[in-house]
Amino acid sequence: RERLRAQGLRHGRSVSVNWPLWATGGMQIDGSEASVFGFSGMDALSAAEGLEAFGNILRGDQNRVLVSVGDPQRV
């Protein structure tokens, strides 16, 4: 879609956001998944972190974004 937009064949902006698990909300993990989650060095995203990331994404010019929180040495 972004190639078509660049050619003037589409309008607006599309952004694909790869979100991690949010700390609150509908998605939950059970004990076995939690151990894998902990092993990866990733943490659940807080609502404040998610909203800040979303604002940064909207202000940016990327069309694909990965949001991640946790230990950067292990993620």
N, C-alpha and C. Protein backbone atom coordinates (compact mmCIF):
# COMPACT_ATOMS: atom_id res chain seq x y z
N ARG A 1 0.82 -1.18 0.00
CA ARG A 1 0.00 0.00 0.00
C ARG A 1 0.87 1.25 0.00
N GLU A 2 1.97 1.23 0.74
CA GLU A 2 2.84 2.40 0.77
C GLU A 2 3.47 2.67 -0.60
N ARG A 3 3.79 1.64 -1.35
CA ARG A 3 4.31 1.85 -2.71
C ARG A 3 3.25 2.52 -3.59
N LEU A 4 2.01 2.09 -3.45
CA LEU A 4 0.92 2.71 -4.22
C LEU A 4 0.72 4.16 -3.80
N ARG A 5 0.84 4.42 -2.50
CA ARG A 5 0.71 5.79 -2.01
C ARG A 5 1.82 6.67 -2.57
N ALA A 6 3.04 6.14 -2.61
CA ALA A 6 4.18 6.89 -3.15
C ALA A 6 3.99 7.20 -4.63
N GLN A 7 3.26 6.35 -5.33
CA GLN A 7 2.98 6.56 -6.75
C GLN A 7 1.75 7.45 -6.97
N GLY A 8 1.13 7.90 -5.88
CA GLY A 8 -0.05 8.74 -5.99
C GLY A 8 -1.33 7.98 -6.24
N LEU A 9 -1.29 6.64 -6.10
CA LEU A 9 -2.47 5.82 -6.36
C LEU A 9 -3.30 5.56 -5.10
N ARG A 10 -2.80 5.92 -3.96
CA ARG A 10 -3.52 5.81 -2.68
C ARG A 10 -3.24 7.07 -1.87
N HIS A 11 -4.11 7.36 -0.94
CA HIS A 11 -3.95 8.54 -0.09
C HIS A 11 -3.96 8.11 1.36
N GLY A 12 -3.40 8.94 2.21
CA GLY A 12 -3.34 8.63 3.63
C GLY A 12 -2.09 7.85 3.95
N ARG A 13 -2.01 7.40 5.18
CA ARG A 13 -0.82 6.71 5.66
C ARG A 13 -1.21 5.41 6.31
N SER A 14 -0.49 4.37 6.03
CA SER A 14 -0.69 3.07 6.69
C SER A 14 0.53 2.78 7.55
N VAL A 15 0.29 2.30 8.74
CA VAL A 15 1.38 1.92 9.63
C VAL A 15 1.05 0.56 10.23
N SER A 16 1.98 -0.37 10.13
CA SER A 16 1.85 -1.67 10.76
C SER A 16 2.64 -1.63 12.06
N VAL A 17 1.95 -1.86 13.19
CA VAL A 17 2.61 -1.81 14.50
C VAL A 17 2.61 -3.21 15.10
N ASN A 18 3.79 -3.69 15.42
CA ASN A 18 3.95 -4.97 16.11
C ASN A 18 4.05 -4.67 17.60
N TRP A 19 2.94 -4.89 18.29
CA TRP A 19 2.86 -4.59 19.72
C TRP A 19 3.27 -5.80 20.55
N PRO A 20 3.90 -5.56 21.70
CA PRO A 20 4.11 -6.65 22.64
C PRO A 20 2.85 -6.86 23.47
N LEU A 21 2.90 -7.73 24.43
CA LEU A 21 1.81 -7.91 25.37
C LEU A 21 1.64 -6.63 26.19
N TRP A 22 0.41 -6.17 26.31
CA TRP A 22 0.12 -5.02 27.17
C TRP A 22 -0.16 -5.54 28.58
N ALA A 23 0.27 -4.80 29.59
CA ALA A 23 0.11 -5.23 30.98
C ALA A 23 -1.37 -5.31 31.38
N THR A 24 -2.19 -4.45 30.80
CA THR A 24 -3.63 -4.47 31.09
C THR A 24 -4.38 -4.68 29.79
N GLY A 25 -5.55 -5.21 29.90
CA GLY A 25 -6.34 -5.44 28.70
C GLY A 25 -6.77 -6.88 28.60
N GLY A 26 -7.26 -7.25 27.45
CA GLY A 26 -7.84 -8.57 27.24
C GLY A 26 -6.87 -9.72 27.14
N MET A 27 -5.66 -9.46 26.65
CA MET A 27 -4.70 -10.55 26.49
C MET A 27 -4.04 -10.87 27.83
N GLN A 28 -4.01 -12.12 28.16
CA GLN A 28 -3.34 -12.58 29.38
C GLN A 28 -2.50 -13.80 29.01
N ILE A 29 -1.48 -14.08 29.81
CA ILE A 29 -0.67 -15.27 29.57
C ILE A 29 -0.74 -16.16 30.80
N ASP A 30 -0.65 -17.48 30.55
CA ASP A 30 -0.67 -18.41 31.67
C ASP A 30 0.76 -18.66 32.16
N GLY A 31 0.92 -19.52 33.11
CA GLY A 31 2.22 -19.77 33.72
C GLY A 31 3.30 -20.22 32.76
N SER A 32 2.98 -21.15 31.84
CA SER A 32 4.00 -21.65 30.91
C SER A 32 4.43 -20.57 29.93
N GLU A 33 3.48 -19.76 29.46
CA GLU A 33 3.84 -18.67 28.56
C GLU A 33 4.61 -17.59 29.30
N ALA A 34 4.30 -17.39 30.57
CA ALA A 34 4.99 -16.37 31.36
C ALA A 34 6.47 -16.68 31.49
N SER A 35 6.83 -17.97 31.61
CA SER A 35 8.24 -18.32 31.73
C SER A 35 8.99 -18.01 30.43
N VAL A 36 8.36 -18.26 29.28
CA VAL A 36 8.98 -17.92 27.99
C VAL A 36 9.08 -16.41 27.87
N PHE A 37 8.05 -15.71 28.30
CA PHE A 37 8.04 -14.26 28.24
C PHE A 37 9.19 -13.70 29.08
N GLY A 38 9.37 -14.24 30.29
CA GLY A 38 10.46 -13.80 31.15
C GLY A 38 11.82 -14.13 30.59
N PHE A 39 11.95 -15.29 29.97
CA PHE A 39 13.21 -15.73 29.38
C PHE A 39 13.67 -14.80 28.26
N SER A 40 12.74 -14.24 27.53
CA SER A 40 13.07 -13.40 26.38
C SER A 40 13.64 -12.04 26.78
N GLY A 41 13.47 -11.66 28.04
CA GLY A 41 13.91 -10.34 28.48
C GLY A 41 12.87 -9.27 28.26
N MET A 42 11.74 -9.64 27.66
CA MET A 42 10.69 -8.66 27.40
C MET A 42 9.80 -8.48 28.63
N ASP A 43 9.24 -7.30 28.75
CA ASP A 43 8.26 -7.00 29.79
C ASP A 43 6.95 -6.64 29.11
N ALA A 44 5.88 -6.71 29.89
CA ALA A 44 4.59 -6.26 29.37
C ALA A 44 4.60 -4.73 29.28
N LEU A 45 3.95 -4.22 28.28
CA LEU A 45 3.89 -2.79 28.01
C LEU A 45 2.81 -2.15 28.88
N SER A 46 3.17 -1.09 29.61
CA SER A 46 2.17 -0.38 30.40
C SER A 46 1.34 0.50 29.47
N ALA A 47 0.17 0.89 29.93
CA ALA A 47 -0.69 1.77 29.13
C ALA A 47 0.02 3.09 28.81
N ALA A 48 0.73 3.64 29.79
CA ALA A 48 1.44 4.90 29.56
C ALA A 48 2.53 4.73 28.50
N GLU A 49 3.27 3.62 28.57
CA GLU A 49 4.31 3.36 27.56
C GLU A 49 3.69 3.16 26.18
N GLY A 50 2.57 2.46 26.14
CA GLY A 50 1.90 2.21 24.88
C GLY A 50 1.39 3.49 24.24
N LEU A 51 0.79 4.36 25.05
CA LEU A 51 0.29 5.62 24.52
C LEU A 51 1.43 6.52 24.05
N GLU A 52 2.53 6.51 24.79
CA GLU A 52 3.70 7.30 24.37
C GLU A 52 4.24 6.76 23.04
N ALA A 53 4.36 5.44 22.95
CA ALA A 53 4.85 4.82 21.70
C ALA A 53 3.92 5.16 20.54
N PHE A 54 2.60 5.08 20.77
CA PHE A 54 1.63 5.37 19.72
C PHE A 54 1.77 6.81 19.23
N GLY A 55 1.92 7.74 20.16
CA GLY A 55 2.13 9.14 19.78
C GLY A 55 3.39 9.32 18.96
N ASN A 56 4.47 8.65 19.37
CA ASN A 56 5.73 8.73 18.62
C ASN A 56 5.58 8.14 17.23
N ILE A 57 4.85 7.04 17.14
CA ILE A 57 4.61 6.40 15.83
C ILE A 57 3.84 7.34 14.91
N LEU A 58 2.81 7.98 15.44
CA LEU A 58 2.00 8.89 14.63
C LEU A 58 2.81 10.10 14.16
N ARG A 59 3.75 10.54 14.99
CA ARG A 59 4.58 11.69 14.61
C ARG A 59 5.72 11.29 13.68
N GLY A 60 6.03 10.01 13.61
CA GLY A 60 7.13 9.54 12.78
C GLY A 60 6.72 9.33 11.33
N ASP A 61 7.65 8.79 10.57
CA ASP A 61 7.36 8.54 9.17
C ASP A 61 7.59 7.08 8.76
N GLN A 62 7.74 6.20 9.73
CA GLN A 62 7.93 4.79 9.44
C GLN A 62 6.59 4.14 9.10
N ASN A 63 6.63 3.10 8.25
CA ASN A 63 5.38 2.40 7.95
C ASN A 63 5.33 1.02 8.59
N ARG A 64 6.44 0.59 9.20
CA ARG A 64 6.47 -0.65 10.00
C ARG A 64 7.25 -0.38 11.26
N VAL A 65 6.65 -0.71 12.42
CA VAL A 65 7.26 -0.39 13.70
C VAL A 65 7.13 -1.58 14.63
N LEU A 66 8.20 -1.87 15.36
CA LEU A 66 8.18 -2.87 16.42
C LEU A 66 8.29 -2.14 17.74
N VAL A 67 7.35 -2.36 18.64
CA VAL A 67 7.39 -1.78 19.98
C VAL A 67 7.82 -2.89 20.94
N SER A 68 8.81 -2.60 21.77
CA SER A 68 9.31 -3.60 22.70
C SER A 68 9.79 -2.91 23.97
N VAL A 69 9.55 -3.53 25.09
CA VAL A 69 10.07 -3.03 26.37
C VAL A 69 10.72 -4.19 27.10
N GLY A 70 11.71 -3.87 27.91
CA GLY A 70 12.39 -4.90 28.67
C GLY A 70 13.88 -4.68 28.67
N ASP A 71 14.62 -5.74 28.90
CA ASP A 71 16.08 -5.69 28.96
C ASP A 71 16.63 -5.69 27.54
N PRO A 72 17.21 -4.57 27.08
CA PRO A 72 17.66 -4.50 25.69
C PRO A 72 18.76 -5.50 25.36
N GLN A 73 19.51 -5.95 26.34
CA GLN A 73 20.56 -6.93 26.09
C GLN A 73 19.99 -8.31 25.81
N ARG A 74 18.77 -8.57 26.27
CA ARG A 74 18.16 -9.89 26.10
C ARG A 74 17.06 -9.94 25.06
N VAL A 75 16.45 -8.80 24.78
CA VAL A 75 15.33 -8.79 23.83
C VAL A 75 15.84 -9.11 22.44
